Amino acid sequence: MVRHRVAGRKLGRPTAQRVALLRALASQLIIHERIITTEAKAKEARSFTEKMITYGKKGTLHHRRLATAKIPNKTVVRKIFDDLAPRYSNRAGGYTRIIKLGRRKGDAAPLAQLELV
């Protein structure tokens, strides 16, 4: 079988665990503005987080509810809409940066730092 037009990474997890992982990574990135994780997780969390910030830039009640459905944490959603959306109001996407850090000592997994620009 060929993976034509199949988007996203499975990250070796069932769907519910993968969704929970992405929510957690995005929440921690928004709170701390910088996290260290594996490259594959960073690349997935980047797209998830950028969609949330785009919701914040649109700023409507509908988009706030969409963001709350994806990340059910009021403080995180509040930070997206009140702090990050005005910061990135003049920027057309590309709110995050991935910096490769080399390999982890224990299992040689490629690490990356994911940060808000």
C-alpha atoms as a PDB file:
ATOM      1  CA  MET A   1       0.000   0.000   0.000  1.00  0.00           C
ATOM      2  CA  VAL A   2       1.120   3.515  -0.768  1.00  0.00           C
ATOM      3  CA  ARG A   3       0.544   6.519   1.508  1.00  0.00           C
ATOM      4  CA  HIS A   4      -0.780   8.897  -1.134  1.00  0.00           C
ATOM      5  CA  ARG A   5      -2.458  11.947   0.454  1.00  0.00           C
ATOM      6  CA  VAL A   6      -2.315  10.547   4.000  1.00  0.00           C
ATOM      7  CA  ALA A   7      -1.456  13.422   6.317  1.00  0.00           C
ATOM      8  CA  GLY A   8      -0.104  13.399   9.851  1.00  0.00           C
ATOM      9  CA  ARG A   9       2.038  11.106  11.953  1.00  0.00           C
ATOM     10  CA  LYS A  10       0.712   8.319  14.164  1.00  0.00           C
ATOM     11  CA  LEU A  11       3.536   8.667  16.715  1.00  0.00           C
ATOM     12  CA  GLY A  12       3.121   5.001  17.685  1.00  0.00           C
ATOM     13  CA  ARG A  13      -0.064   5.647  19.658  1.00  0.00           C
ATOM     14  CA  PRO A  14      -3.795   4.949  19.438  1.00  0.00           C
ATOM     15  CA  THR A  15      -5.889   7.902  18.286  1.00  0.00           C
ATOM     16  CA  ALA A  16      -7.090   8.999  21.750  1.00  0.00           C
ATOM     17  CA  GLN A  17      -3.562   8.972  23.183  1.00  0.00           C
ATOM     18  CA  ARG A  18      -2.237  10.857  20.157  1.00  0.00           C
ATOM     19  CA  VAL A  19      -4.906  13.564  20.494  1.00  0.00           C
ATOM     20  CA  ALA A  20      -4.175  13.870  24.227  1.00  0.00           C
ATOM     21  CA  LEU A  21      -0.445  14.137  23.510  1.00  0.00           C
ATOM     22  CA  LEU A  22      -0.948  16.924  20.951  1.00  0.00           C
ATOM     23  CA  ARG A  23      -3.235  18.827  23.325  1.00  0.00           C
ATOM     24  CA  ALA A  24      -0.663  18.548  26.106  1.00  0.00           C
ATOM     25  CA  LEU A  25       2.255  19.591  23.897  1.00  0.00           C
ATOM     26  CA  ALA A  26       0.331  22.561  22.493  1.00  0.00           C
ATOM     27  CA  SER A  27      -0.803  23.641  25.984  1.00  0.00           C
ATOM     28  CA  GLN A  28       2.730  23.509  27.378  1.00  0.00           C
ATOM     29  CA  LEU A  29       4.101  25.360  24.347  1.00  0.00           C
ATOM     30  CA  ILE A  30       1.542  28.128  24.768  1.00  0.00           C
ATOM     31  CA  ILE A  31       2.136  28.405  28.532  1.00  0.00           C
ATOM     32  CA  HIS A  32       5.953  28.225  28.508  1.00  0.00           C
ATOM     33  CA  GLU A  33       6.534  29.467  24.913  1.00  0.00           C
ATOM     34  CA  ARG A  34       9.344  26.900  24.498  1.00  0.00           C
ATOM     35  CA  ILE A  35       9.433  23.103  24.869  1.00  0.00           C
ATOM     36  CA  ILE A  36      11.904  20.317  24.086  1.00  0.00           C
ATOM     37  CA  THR A  37      10.530  17.131  22.535  1.00  0.00           C
ATOM     38  CA  THR A  38      11.302  14.744  19.676  1.00  0.00           C
ATOM     39  CA  GLU A  39      11.380  16.068  16.120  1.00  0.00           C
ATOM     40  CA  ALA A  40       8.292  14.122  14.997  1.00  0.00           C
ATOM     41  CA  LYS A  41       6.240  15.308  17.975  1.00  0.00           C
ATOM     42  CA  ALA A  42       7.463  18.880  17.447  1.00  0.00           C
ATOM     43  CA  LYS A  43       6.394  18.849  13.802  1.00  0.00           C
ATOM     44  CA  GLU A  44       2.915  17.596  14.681  1.00  0.00           C
ATOM     45  CA  ALA A  45       2.507  19.984  17.619  1.00  0.00           C
ATOM     46  CA  ARG A  46       3.592  22.893  15.417  1.00  0.00           C
ATOM     47  CA  SER A  47       0.656  22.537  13.025  1.00  0.00           C
ATOM     48  CA  PHE A  48      -1.799  22.000  15.881  1.00  0.00           C
ATOM     49  CA  THR A  49      -0.547  25.087  17.762  1.00  0.00           C
ATOM     50  CA  GLU A  50      -0.508  27.317  14.698  1.00  0.00           C
ATOM     51  CA  LYS A  51      -4.155  26.480  14.013  1.00  0.00           C
ATOM     52  CA  MET A  52      -5.015  27.495  17.595  1.00  0.00           C
ATOM     53  CA  ILE A  53      -3.194  30.829  17.220  1.00  0.00           C
ATOM     54  CA  THR A  54      -5.040  31.438  13.948  1.00  0.00           C
ATOM     55  CA  TYR A  55      -8.308  30.878  15.812  1.00  0.00           C
ATOM     56  CA  GLY A  56      -7.126  33.477  18.309  1.00  0.00           C
ATOM     57  CA  LYS A  57      -6.374  35.990  15.566  1.00  0.00           C
ATOM     58  CA  LYS A  58      -9.894  35.629  14.178  1.00  0.00           C
ATOM     59  CA  GLY A  59     -11.130  36.360  17.691  1.00  0.00           C
ATOM     60  CA  THR A  60     -14.830  35.549  17.364  1.00  0.00           C
ATOM     61  CA  LEU A  61     -16.868  33.642  19.911  1.00  0.00           C
ATOM     62  CA  HIS A  62     -17.170  30.805  17.406  1.00  0.00           C
ATOM     63  CA  HIS A  63     -13.387  30.503  17.109  1.00  0.00           C
ATOM     64  CA  ARG A  64     -12.969  30.710  20.885  1.00  0.00           C
ATOM     65  CA  ARG A  65     -15.350  27.761  21.233  1.00  0.00           C
ATOM     66  CA  LEU A  66     -13.490  25.827  18.516  1.00  0.00           C
ATOM     67  CA  ALA A  67     -10.201  26.429  20.371  1.00  0.00           C
ATOM     68  CA  THR A  68     -11.772  25.364  23.674  1.00  0.00           C
ATOM     69  CA  ALA A  69     -13.019  22.169  22.022  1.00  0.00           C
ATOM     70  CA  LYS A  70      -9.470  21.357  20.887  1.00  0.00           C
ATOM     71  CA  ILE A  71      -7.694  22.494  24.085  1.00  0.00           C
ATOM     72  CA  PRO A  72     -10.114  22.304  27.051  1.00  0.00           C
ATOM     73  CA  ASN A  73      -8.023  24.545  29.312  1.00  0.00           C
ATOM     74  CA  LYS A  74      -9.410  28.027  29.982  1.00  0.00           C
ATOM     75  CA  THR A  75      -6.097  29.614  30.911  1.00  0.00           C
ATOM     76  CA  VAL A  76      -4.432  28.380  27.710  1.00  0.00           C
ATOM     77  CA  VAL A  77      -7.308  29.572  25.513  1.00  0.00           C
ATOM     78  CA  ARG A  78      -7.329  32.916  27.340  1.00  0.00           C
ATOM     79  CA  LYS A  79      -3.602  33.343  26.669  1.00  0.00           C
ATOM     80  CA  ILE A  80      -4.095  32.512  22.979  1.00  0.00           C
ATOM     81  CA  PHE A  81      -6.835  35.089  22.519  1.00  0.00           C
ATOM     82  CA  ASP A  82      -5.579  37.843  24.859  1.00  0.00           C
ATOM     83  CA  ASP A  83      -1.760  37.667  24.568  1.00  0.00           C
ATOM     84  CA  LEU A  84      -0.684  35.732  21.481  1.00  0.00           C
ATOM     85  CA  ALA A  85      -3.300  36.905  18.962  1.00  0.00           C
ATOM     86  CA  PRO A  86      -2.373  40.617  19.292  1.00  0.00           C
ATOM     87  CA  ARG A  87       1.340  39.714  19.178  1.00  0.00           C
ATOM     88  CA  TYR A  88       0.937  37.920  15.847  1.00  0.00           C
ATOM     89  CA  SER A  89      -1.745  40.193  14.351  1.00  0.00           C
ATOM     90  CA  ASN A  90       0.533  41.376  11.526  1.00  0.00           C
ATOM     91  CA  ARG A  91       2.101  37.979  10.858  1.00  0.00           C
ATOM     92  CA  ALA A  92       0.621  35.684   8.189  1.00  0.00           C
ATOM     93  CA  GLY A  93       1.366  32.293   9.749  1.00  0.00           C
ATOM     94  CA  GLY A  94       4.662  30.813  10.882  1.00  0.00           C
ATOM     95  CA  TYR A  95       4.241  31.473  14.603  1.00  0.00           C
ATOM     96  CA  THR A  96       6.585  28.684  15.717  1.00  0.00           C
ATOM     97  CA  ARG A  97      10.195  27.696  15.132  1.00  0.00           C
ATOM     98  CA  ILE A  98      11.799  24.243  15.354  1.00  0.00           C
ATOM     99  CA  ILE A  99      15.488  24.040  16.288  1.00  0.00           C
ATOM    100  CA  LYS A 100      17.112  20.612  16.045  1.00  0.00           C
ATOM    101  CA  LEU A 101      19.145  19.695  19.140  1.00  0.00           C
ATOM    102  CA  GLY A 102      20.849  16.423  18.247  1.00  0.00           C
ATOM    103  CA  ARG A 103      20.080  13.038  19.718  1.00  0.00           C
ATOM    104  CA  ARG A 104      18.861  11.987  23.150  1.00  0.00           C
ATOM    105  CA  LYS A 105      21.434  10.024  25.146  1.00  0.00           C
ATOM    106  CA  GLY A 106      19.223   7.108  26.230  1.00  0.00           C
ATOM    107  CA  ASP A 107      17.598   6.008  22.975  1.00  0.00           C
ATOM    108  CA  ALA A 108      19.248   8.273  20.353  1.00  0.00           C
ATOM    109  CA  ALA A 109      15.888   9.838  19.466  1.00  0.00           C
ATOM    110  CA  PRO A 110      16.301  13.106  17.522  1.00  0.00           C
ATOM    111  CA  LEU A 111      15.371  16.012  19.809  1.00  0.00           C
ATOM    112  CA  ALA A 112      14.081  19.427  18.833  1.00  0.00           C
ATOM    113  CA  GLN A 113      13.168  22.647  20.589  1.00  0.00           C
ATOM    114  CA  LEU A 114       9.785  24.045  19.587  1.00  0.00           C
ATOM    115  CA  GLU A 115       9.299  27.718  20.413  1.00  0.00           C
ATOM    116  CA  LEU A 116       7.005  30.604  19.618  1.00  0.00           C
ATOM    117  CA  VAL A 117       8.642  33.208  17.396  1.00  0.00           C
END
